[in-house]
Structure formats: structure tokens, C-alpha cells
PDB file of all heavy atoms in Angstrom:
ATOM      1  N   VAL A   1      62.422 300.727 -29.990  1.00  0.00           N
ATOM      2  CA  VAL A   1      61.586 301.897 -29.677  1.00  0.00           C
ATOM      3  C   VAL A   1      60.330 301.874 -30.519  1.00  0.00           C
ATOM      4  O   VAL A   1      59.236 302.295 -30.063  1.00  0.00           O
ATOM      5  CB  VAL A   1      62.354 303.219 -29.864  1.00  0.00           C
ATOM      6  CG1 VAL A   1      62.778 303.431 -31.323  1.00  0.00           C
ATOM      7  CG2 VAL A   1      61.539 304.404 -29.364  1.00  0.00           C
ATOM      8  N   GLU A   2      60.403 301.374 -31.742  1.00  0.00           N
ATOM      9  CA  GLU A   2      59.210 301.275 -32.588  1.00  0.00           C
ATOM     10  C   GLU A   2      58.187 300.324 -31.967  1.00  0.00           C
ATOM     11  O   GLU A   2      56.978 300.591 -32.030  1.00  0.00           O
ATOM     12  CB  GLU A   2      59.598 300.788 -34.001  1.00  0.00           C
ATOM     13  CG  GLU A   2      60.399 301.778 -34.814  1.00  0.00           C
ATOM     14  CD  GLU A   2      61.899 301.775 -34.482  1.00  0.00           C
ATOM     15  OE1 GLU A   2      62.345 300.895 -33.693  1.00  0.00           O
ATOM     16  OE2 GLU A   2      62.621 302.646 -35.012  1.00  0.00           O
ATOM     17  N   GLY A   3      58.667 299.233 -31.396  1.00  0.00           N
ATOM     18  CA  GLY A   3      57.736 298.296 -30.744  1.00  0.00           C
ATOM     19  C   GLY A   3      57.066 298.909 -29.526  1.00  0.00           C
ATOM     20  O   GLY A   3      55.858 298.733 -29.335  1.00  0.00           O
ATOM     21  N   VAL A   4      57.801 299.661 -28.720  1.00  0.00           N
ATOM     22  CA  VAL A   4      57.229 300.336 -27.565  1.00  0.00           C
ATOM     23  C   VAL A   4      56.207 301.378 -28.030  1.00  0.00           C
ATOM     24  O   VAL A   4      55.129 301.512 -27.458  1.00  0.00           O
ATOM     25  CB  VAL A   4      58.319 300.985 -26.698  1.00  0.00           C
ATOM     26  CG1 VAL A   4      57.693 301.867 -25.617  1.00  0.00           C
ATOM     27  CG2 VAL A   4      59.214 299.917 -26.063  1.00  0.00           C
ATOM     28  N   ALA A   5      56.548 302.139 -29.049  1.00  0.00           N
ATOM     29  CA  ALA A   5      55.626 303.142 -29.598  1.00  0.00           C
ATOM     30  C   ALA A   5      54.304 302.506 -30.041  1.00  0.00           C
ATOM     31  O   ALA A   5      53.222 303.030 -29.764  1.00  0.00           O
ATOM     32  CB  ALA A   5      56.274 303.911 -30.742  1.00  0.00           C
ATOM     33  N   GLU A   6      54.399 301.401 -30.727  1.00  0.00           N
ATOM     34  CA  GLU A   6      53.189 300.720 -31.177  1.00  0.00           C
ATOM     35  C   GLU A   6      52.386 300.166 -30.005  1.00  0.00           C
ATOM     36  O   GLU A   6      51.154 300.183 -30.015  1.00  0.00           O
ATOM     37  CB  GLU A   6      53.539 299.569 -32.149  1.00  0.00           C
ATOM     38  CG  GLU A   6      52.343 298.837 -32.732  1.00  0.00           C
ATOM     39  CD  GLU A   6      51.330 299.752 -33.396  1.00  0.00           C
ATOM     40  OE1 GLU A   6      51.710 300.818 -33.937  1.00  0.00           O
ATOM     41  OE2 GLU A   6      50.136 299.415 -33.373  1.00  0.00           O
ATOM     42  N   ALA A   7      53.073 299.710 -28.950  1.00  0.00           N
ATOM     43  CA  ALA A   7      52.373 299.239 -27.753  1.00  0.00           C
ATOM     44  C   ALA A   7      51.596 300.371 -27.110  1.00  0.00           C
ATOM     45  O   ALA A   7      50.477 300.183 -26.610  1.00  0.00           O
ATOM     46  CB  ALA A   7      53.374 298.641 -26.772  1.00  0.00           C
ATOM     47  N   ILE A   8      52.176 301.559 -27.086  1.00  0.00           N
ATOM     48  CA  ILE A   8      51.473 302.739 -26.572  1.00  0.00           C
ATOM     49  C   ILE A   8      50.304 303.104 -27.455  1.00  0.00           C
ATOM     50  O   ILE A   8      49.182 303.323 -26.992  1.00  0.00           O
ATOM     51  CB  ILE A   8      52.438 303.945 -26.415  1.00  0.00           C
ATOM     52  CG1 ILE A   8      53.513 303.641 -25.371  1.00  0.00           C
ATOM     53  CG2 ILE A   8      51.680 305.206 -26.065  1.00  0.00           C
ATOM     54  CD1 ILE A   8      54.633 304.668 -25.324  1.00  0.00           C
ATOM     55  N   ARG A   9      50.538 303.154 -28.752  1.00  0.00           N
ATOM     56  CA  ARG A   9      49.493 303.546 -29.704  1.00  0.00           C
ATOM     57  C   ARG A   9      48.295 302.582 -29.689  1.00  0.00           C
ATOM     58  O   ARG A   9      47.133 303.010 -29.719  1.00  0.00           O
ATOM     59  CB  ARG A   9      50.069 303.611 -31.117  1.00  0.00           C
ATOM     60  CG  ARG A   9      49.078 304.074 -32.184  1.00  0.00           C
ATOM     61  CD  ARG A   9      49.675 304.050 -33.571  1.00  0.00           C
ATOM     62  NE  ARG A   9      50.751 305.017 -33.714  1.00  0.00           N
ATOM     63  CZ  ARG A   9      52.054 304.713 -33.768  1.00  0.00           C
ATOM     64  NH1 ARG A   9      52.441 303.464 -33.698  1.00  0.00           N
ATOM     65  NH2 ARG A   9      52.953 305.665 -33.876  1.00  0.00           N
ATOM     66  N   SER A  10      48.584 301.295 -29.600  1.00  0.00           N
ATOM     67  CA  SER A  10      47.521 300.281 -29.709  1.00  0.00           C
ATOM     68  C   SER A  10      46.920 299.927 -28.349  1.00  0.00           C
ATOM     69  O   SER A  10      46.060 299.065 -28.265  1.00  0.00           O
ATOM     70  CB  SER A  10      48.076 299.020 -30.383  1.00  0.00           C
ATOM     71  OG  SER A  10      49.089 298.412 -29.559  1.00  0.00           O
ATOM     72  N   MET A  11      47.386 300.587 -27.286  1.00  0.00           N
ATOM     73  CA  MET A  11      46.857 300.425 -25.940  1.00  0.00           C
ATOM     74  C   MET A  11      47.140 299.073 -25.321  1.00  0.00           C
ATOM     75  O   MET A  11      46.386 298.569 -24.501  1.00  0.00           O
ATOM     76  CB  MET A  11      45.355 300.761 -25.910  1.00  0.00           C
ATOM     77  CG  MET A  11      45.105 302.234 -26.220  1.00  0.00           C
ATOM     78  SD  MET A  11      43.389 302.766 -26.323  1.00  0.00           S
ATOM     79  CE  MET A  11      42.864 302.630 -24.635  1.00  0.00           C
ATOM     80  N   VAL A  12      48.269 298.463 -25.743  1.00  0.00           N
ATOM     81  CA  VAL A  12      48.837 297.370 -24.944  1.00  0.00           C
ATOM     82  C   VAL A  12      49.073 297.901 -23.538  1.00  0.00           C
ATOM     83  O   VAL A  12      48.794 297.250 -22.523  1.00  0.00           O
ATOM     84  CB  VAL A  12      50.160 296.852 -25.554  1.00  0.00           C
ATOM     85  CG1 VAL A  12      50.890 295.942 -24.590  1.00  0.00           C
ATOM     86  CG2 VAL A  12      49.889 296.136 -26.857  1.00  0.00           C
ATOM     87  N   ILE A  13      49.608 299.124 -23.476  1.00  0.00           N
ATOM     88  CA  ILE A  13      49.761 299.850 -22.218  1.00  0.00           C
ATOM     89  C   ILE A  13      49.014 301.148 -22.346  1.00  0.00           C
ATOM     90  O   ILE A  13      49.039 301.791 -23.417  1.00  0.00           O
ATOM     91  CB  ILE A  13      51.244 300.055 -21.868  1.00  0.00           C
ATOM     92  CG1 ILE A  13      51.411 300.543 -20.426  1.00  0.00           C
ATOM     93  CG2 ILE A  13      51.935 300.990 -22.874  1.00  0.00           C
ATOM     94  CD1 ILE A  13      52.825 300.425 -19.901  1.00  0.00           C
ATOM     95  N   ARG A  14      48.324 301.577 -21.275  1.00  0.00           N
ATOM     96  CA  ARG A  14      47.546 302.814 -21.321  1.00  0.00           C
ATOM     97  C   ARG A  14      47.450 303.361 -19.930  1.00  0.00           C
ATOM     98  O   ARG A  14      47.849 302.733 -18.963  1.00  0.00           O
ATOM     99  CB  ARG A  14      46.171 302.623 -21.980  1.00  0.00           C
ATOM    100  CG  ARG A  14      45.520 301.282 -21.950  1.00  0.00           C
ATOM    101  CD  ARG A  14      45.082 300.821 -20.585  1.00  0.00           C
ATOM    102  NE  ARG A  14      44.233 301.796 -19.914  1.00  0.00           N
ATOM    103  CZ  ARG A  14      44.091 301.891 -18.616  1.00  0.00           C
ATOM    104  NH1 ARG A  14      44.746 301.077 -17.804  1.00  0.00           N
ATOM    105  NH2 ARG A  14      43.313 302.805 -18.092  1.00  0.00           N
ATOM    106  N   GLY A  15      46.903 304.585 -19.819  1.00  0.00           N
ATOM    107  CA  GLY A  15      46.938 305.301 -18.541  1.00  0.00           C
ATOM    108  C   GLY A  15      48.128 306.206 -18.521  1.00  0.00           C
ATOM    109  O   GLY A  15      49.258 305.813 -18.787  1.00  0.00           O
ATOM    110  N   ALA A  16      47.901 307.498 -18.241  1.00  0.00           N
ATOM    111  CA  ALA A  16      48.945 308.526 -18.382  1.00  0.00           C
ATOM    112  C   ALA A  16      50.239 308.191 -17.651  1.00  0.00           C
ATOM    113  O   ALA A  16      51.330 308.250 -18.233  1.00  0.00           O
ATOM    114  CB  ALA A  16      48.401 309.895 -17.966  1.00  0.00           C
ATOM    115  N   PRO A  17      50.215 307.817 -16.339  1.00  0.00           N
ATOM    116  CA  PRO A  17      51.475 307.511 -15.673  1.00  0.00           C
ATOM    117  C   PRO A  17      52.208 306.331 -16.302  1.00  0.00           C
ATOM    118  O   PRO A  17      53.445 306.369 -16.451  1.00  0.00           O
ATOM    119  CB  PRO A  17      51.036 307.207 -14.234  1.00  0.00           C
ATOM    120  CG  PRO A  17      49.763 307.952 -14.055  1.00  0.00           C
ATOM    121  CD  PRO A  17      49.065 307.816 -15.394  1.00  0.00           C
ATOM    122  N   ALA A  18      51.471 305.275 -16.665  1.00  0.00           N
ATOM    123  CA  ALA A  18      52.117 304.104 -17.303  1.00  0.00           C
ATOM    124  C   ALA A  18      52.698 304.487 -18.655  1.00  0.00           C
ATOM    125  O   ALA A  18      53.789 304.024 -19.034  1.00  0.00           O
ATOM    126  CB  ALA A  18      51.112 302.971 -17.449  1.00  0.00           C
ATOM    127  N   ILE A  19      51.992 305.328 -19.392  1.00  0.00           N
ATOM    128  CA  ILE A  19      52.508 305.805 -20.679  1.00  0.00           C
ATOM    129  C   ILE A  19      53.812 306.574 -20.469  1.00  0.00           C
ATOM    130  O   ILE A  19      54.731 306.484 -21.277  1.00  0.00           O
ATOM    131  CB  ILE A  19      51.455 306.641 -21.421  1.00  0.00           C
ATOM    132  CG1 ILE A  19      50.325 305.730 -21.927  1.00  0.00           C
ATOM    133  CG2 ILE A  19      52.072 307.413 -22.574  1.00  0.00           C
ATOM    134  CD1 ILE A  19      49.142 306.481 -22.504  1.00  0.00           C
ATOM    135  N   GLY A  20      53.864 307.377 -19.397  1.00  0.00           N
ATOM    136  CA  GLY A  20      55.091 308.105 -19.116  1.00  0.00           C
ATOM    137  C   GLY A  20      56.270 307.185 -18.871  1.00  0.00           C
ATOM    138  O   GLY A  20      57.360 307.402 -19.410  1.00  0.00           O
ATOM    139  N   VAL A  21      56.052 306.140 -18.080  1.00  0.00           N
ATOM    140  CA  VAL A  21      57.138 305.185 -17.805  1.00  0.00           C
ATOM    141  C   VAL A  21      57.522 304.451 -19.079  1.00  0.00           C
ATOM    142  O   VAL A  21      58.701 304.233 -19.388  1.00  0.00           O
ATOM    143  CB  VAL A  21      56.713 304.208 -16.709  1.00  0.00           C
ATOM    144  CG1 VAL A  21      57.791 303.106 -16.531  1.00  0.00           C
ATOM    145  CG2 VAL A  21      56.516 304.948 -15.384  1.00  0.00           C
ATOM    146  N   ALA A  22      56.506 304.023 -19.874  1.00  0.00           N
ATOM    147  CA  ALA A  22      56.785 303.337 -21.126  1.00  0.00           C
ATOM    148  C   ALA A  22      57.554 304.226 -22.099  1.00  0.00           C
ATOM    149  O   ALA A  22      58.460 303.754 -22.801  1.00  0.00           O
ATOM    150  CB  ALA A  22      55.473 302.869 -21.785  1.00  0.00           C
ATOM    151  N   THR A  23      57.217 305.500 -22.119  1.00  0.00           N
ATOM    152  CA  THR A  23      57.954 306.444 -22.973  1.00  0.00           C
ATOM    153  C   THR A  23      59.420 306.512 -22.585  1.00  0.00           C
ATOM    154  O   THR A  23      60.296 306.425 -23.435  1.00  0.00           O
ATOM    155  CB  THR A  23      57.315 307.840 -22.844  1.00  0.00           C
ATOM    156  OG1 THR A  23      55.988 307.794 -23.396  1.00  0.00           O
ATOM    157  CG2 THR A  23      58.116 308.900 -23.584  1.00  0.00           C
ATOM    158  N   ALA A  24      59.677 306.637 -21.289  1.00  0.00           N
ATOM    159  CA  ALA A  24      61.062 306.715 -20.813  1.00  0.00           C
ATOM    160  C   ALA A  24      61.825 305.445 -21.173  1.00  0.00           C
ATOM    161  O   ALA A  24      62.973 305.494 -21.665  1.00  0.00           O
ATOM    162  CB  ALA A  24      61.090 306.932 -19.302  1.00  0.00           C
ATOM    163  N   MET A  25      61.205 304.291 -20.978  1.00  0.00           N
ATOM    164  CA  MET A  25      61.873 303.029 -21.292  1.00  0.00           C
ATOM    165  C   MET A  25      62.046 302.884 -22.792  1.00  0.00           C
ATOM    166  O   MET A  25      63.093 302.380 -23.267  1.00  0.00           O
ATOM    167  CB  MET A  25      61.088 301.864 -20.719  1.00  0.00           C
ATOM    168  CG  MET A  25      61.136 301.794 -19.205  1.00  0.00           C
ATOM    169  SD  MET A  25      60.334 300.301 -18.535  1.00  0.00           S
ATOM    170  CE  MET A  25      60.654 300.510 -16.772  1.00  0.00           C
ATOM    171  N   GLY A  26      61.086 303.317 -23.569  1.00  0.00           N
ATOM    172  CA  GLY A  26      61.214 303.244 -25.032  1.00  0.00           C
ATOM    173  C   GLY A  26      62.345 304.109 -25.551  1.00  0.00           C
ATOM    174  O   GLY A  26      63.116 303.688 -26.433  1.00  0.00           O
ATOM    175  N   LEU A  27      62.477 305.306 -24.999  1.00  0.00           N
ATOM    176  CA  LEU A  27      63.563 306.193 -25.391  1.00  0.00           C
ATOM    177  C   LEU A  27      64.919 305.587 -25.008  1.00  0.00           C
ATOM    178  O   LEU A  27      65.871 305.605 -25.800  1.00  0.00           O
ATOM    179  CB  LEU A  27      63.393 307.551 -24.748  1.00  0.00           C
ATOM    180  CG  LEU A  27      62.151 308.363 -25.107  1.00  0.00           C
ATOM    181  CD1 LEU A  27      62.118 309.683 -24.357  1.00  0.00           C
ATOM    182  CD2 LEU A  27      62.053 308.594 -26.615  1.00  0.00           C
ATOM    183  N   ALA A  28      64.991 305.057 -23.785  1.00  0.00           N
ATOM    184  CA  ALA A  28      66.244 304.436 -23.339  1.00  0.00           C
ATOM    185  C   ALA A  28      66.596 303.253 -24.232  1.00  0.00           C
ATOM    186  O   ALA A  28      67.760 303.030 -24.591  1.00  0.00           O
ATOM    187  CB  ALA A  28      66.108 303.984 -21.898  1.00  0.00           C
ATOM    188  N   LEU A  29      65.597 302.477 -24.609  1.00  0.00           N
ATOM    189  CA  LEU A  29      65.792 301.312 -25.470  1.00  0.00           C
ATOM    190  C   LEU A  29      66.267 301.745 -26.846  1.00  0.00           C
ATOM    191  O   LEU A  29      67.181 301.126 -27.436  1.00  0.00           O
ATOM    192  CB  LEU A  29      64.507 300.540 -25.589  1.00  0.00           C
ATOM    193  CG  LEU A  29      64.525 299.178 -26.295  1.00  0.00           C
ATOM    194  CD1 LEU A  29      65.460 298.229 -25.577  1.00  0.00           C
ATOM    195  CD2 LEU A  29      63.136 298.599 -26.353  1.00  0.00           C
ATOM    196  N   GLY A  30      65.696 302.822 -27.370  1.00  0.00           N
ATOM    197  CA  GLY A  30      66.110 303.323 -28.692  1.00  0.00           C
ATOM    198  C   GLY A  30      67.559 303.688 -28.726  1.00  0.00           C
ATOM    199  O   GLY A  30      68.289 303.341 -29.682  1.00  0.00           O
ATOM    200  N   VAL A  31      68.039 304.369 -27.694  1.00  0.00           N
ATOM    201  CA  VAL A  31      69.441 304.761 -27.656  1.00  0.00           C
ATOM    202  C   VAL A  31      70.336 303.575 -27.331  1.00  0.00           C
ATOM    203  O   VAL A  31      71.442 303.455 -27.856  1.00  0.00           O
ATOM    204  CB  VAL A  31      69.644 305.909 -26.619  1.00  0.00           C
ATOM    205  CG1 VAL A  31      71.127 306.244 -26.461  1.00  0.00           C
ATOM    206  CG2 VAL A  31      68.870 307.136 -27.046  1.00  0.00           C
ATOM    207  N   LYS A  32      69.844 302.677 -26.506  1.00  0.00           N
ATOM    208  CA  LYS A  32      70.623 301.474 -26.162  1.00  0.00           C
ATOM    209  C   LYS A  32      70.920 300.651 -27.424  1.00  0.00           C
ATOM    210  O   LYS A  32      71.972 300.017 -27.519  1.00  0.00           O
ATOM    211  CB  LYS A  32      69.850 300.629 -25.157  1.00  0.00           C
ATOM    212  CG  LYS A  32      70.527 299.358 -24.697  1.00  0.00           C
ATOM    213  CD  LYS A  32      69.697 298.687 -23.610  1.00  0.00           C
ATOM    214  CE  LYS A  32      70.349 297.393 -23.115  1.00  0.00           C
ATOM    215  NZ  LYS A  32      70.122 296.280 -24.075  1.00  0.00           N
ATOM    216  N   ASN A  33      70.016 300.687 -28.377  1.00  0.00           N
ATOM    217  CA  ASN A  33      70.185 299.906 -29.604  1.00  0.00           C
ATOM    218  C   ASN A  33      71.103 300.559 -30.641  1.00  0.00           C
ATOM    219  O   ASN A  33      71.439 299.922 -31.648  1.00  0.00           O
ATOM    220  CB  ASN A  33      68.832 299.628 -30.237  1.00  0.00           C
ATOM    221  CG  ASN A  33      68.015 298.605 -29.468  1.00  0.00           C
ATOM    222  OD1 ASN A  33      68.549 297.854 -28.656  1.00  0.00           O
ATOM    223  ND2 ASN A  33      66.716 298.571 -29.686  1.00  0.00           N
ATOM    224  N   LEU A  34      71.503 301.816 -30.383  1.00  0.00           N
ATOM    225  CA  LEU A  34      72.425 302.477 -31.318  1.00  0.00           C
ATOM    226  C   LEU A  34      73.808 301.831 -31.219  1.00  0.00           C
ATOM    227  O   LEU A  34      74.288 301.522 -30.117  1.00  0.00           O
ATOM    228  CB  LEU A  34      72.517 303.963 -31.022  1.00  0.00           C
ATOM    229  CG  LEU A  34      71.233 304.790 -31.223  1.00  0.00           C
ATOM    230  CD1 LEU A  34      71.487 306.235 -30.814  1.00  0.00           C
ATOM    231  CD2 LEU A  34      70.749 304.714 -32.669  1.00  0.00           C
ATOM    232  N   THR A  35      74.447 301.652 -32.347  1.00  0.00           N
ATOM    233  CA  THR A  35      75.783 301.052 -32.348  1.00  0.00           C
ATOM    234  C   THR A  35      76.876 302.076 -32.575  1.00  0.00           C
ATOM    235  O   THR A  35      78.050 301.753 -32.447  1.00  0.00           O
ATOM    236  CB  THR A  35      75.867 299.978 -33.443  1.00  0.00           C
ATOM    237  OG1 THR A  35      75.548 300.562 -34.712  1.00  0.00           O
ATOM    238  CG2 THR A  35      74.897 298.844 -33.165  1.00  0.00           C
ATOM    239  N   SER A  36      76.483 303.294 -32.855  1.00  0.00           N
ATOM    240  CA  SER A  36      77.464 304.348 -33.122  1.00  0.00           C
ATOM    241  C   SER A  36      76.958 305.664 -32.551  1.00  0.00           C
ATOM    242  O   SER A  36      75.765 305.935 -32.576  1.00  0.00           O
ATOM    243  CB  SER A  36      77.715 304.493 -34.630  1.00  0.00           C
ATOM    244  OG  SER A  36      78.451 305.665 -34.909  1.00  0.00           O
ATOM    245  N   GLY A  37      77.903 306.466 -32.040  1.00  0.00           N
ATOM    246  CA  GLY A  37      77.549 307.777 -31.531  1.00  0.00           C
ATOM    247  C   GLY A  37      77.512 308.844 -32.612  1.00  0.00           C
ATOM    248  O   GLY A  37      77.285 310.015 -32.338  1.00  0.00           O
ATOM    249  N   GLU A  38      77.722 308.442 -33.842  1.00  0.00           N
ATOM    250  CA  GLU A  38      77.692 309.387 -34.959  1.00  0.00           C
ATOM    251  C   GLU A  38      76.269 309.868 -35.172  1.00  0.00           C
ATOM    252  O   GLU A  38      75.303 309.100 -35.136  1.00  0.00           O
ATOM    253  CB  GLU A  38      78.232 308.698 -36.221  1.00  0.00           C
ATOM    254  CG  GLU A  38      78.457 309.660 -37.380  1.00  0.00           C
ATOM    255  CD  GLU A  38      79.114 308.936 -38.547  1.00  0.00           C
ATOM    256  OE1 GLU A  38      79.669 307.842 -38.342  1.00  0.00           O
ATOM    257  OE2 GLU A  38      79.058 309.472 -39.658  1.00  0.00           O
ATOM    258  N   ASP A  39      76.129 311.176 -35.388  1.00  0.00           N
ATOM    259  CA  ASP A  39      74.803 311.805 -35.565  1.00  0.00           C
ATOM    260  C   ASP A  39      73.873 311.499 -34.399  1.00  0.00           C
ATOM    261  O   ASP A  39      72.676 311.239 -34.578  1.00  0.00           O
ATOM    262  CB  ASP A  39      74.164 311.337 -36.869  1.00  0.00           C
ATOM    263  CG  ASP A  39      74.940 311.789 -38.103  1.00  0.00           C
ATOM    264  OD1 ASP A  39      75.532 312.877 -38.064  1.00  0.00           O
ATOM    265  OD2 ASP A  39      74.977 311.014 -39.077  1.00  0.00           O
TER     266      ASP A  39
END
């Protein structure tokens, strides 16, 4: 998710609709990488 966030910040990807899709994928990726449901 940190990599996706930096891609958004640095304009690897830009444009409001594309940023929305990238945000959703970044959030999904962040949770996908969790190894425990604790906290």
C-alpha cells in the first residue's frame, strides 16, 4: 500500500477516476498483505 500511495503522490498515476481505482486497489493490497486479523 505504501508503494501505491507513493505512485499516487508522485503522479505515476493521476486523474481523479484513475486515482480512485488506484486507491481501492492500494487498500485491498494493504489488507491482503496482513498476516493476522489481530487489531
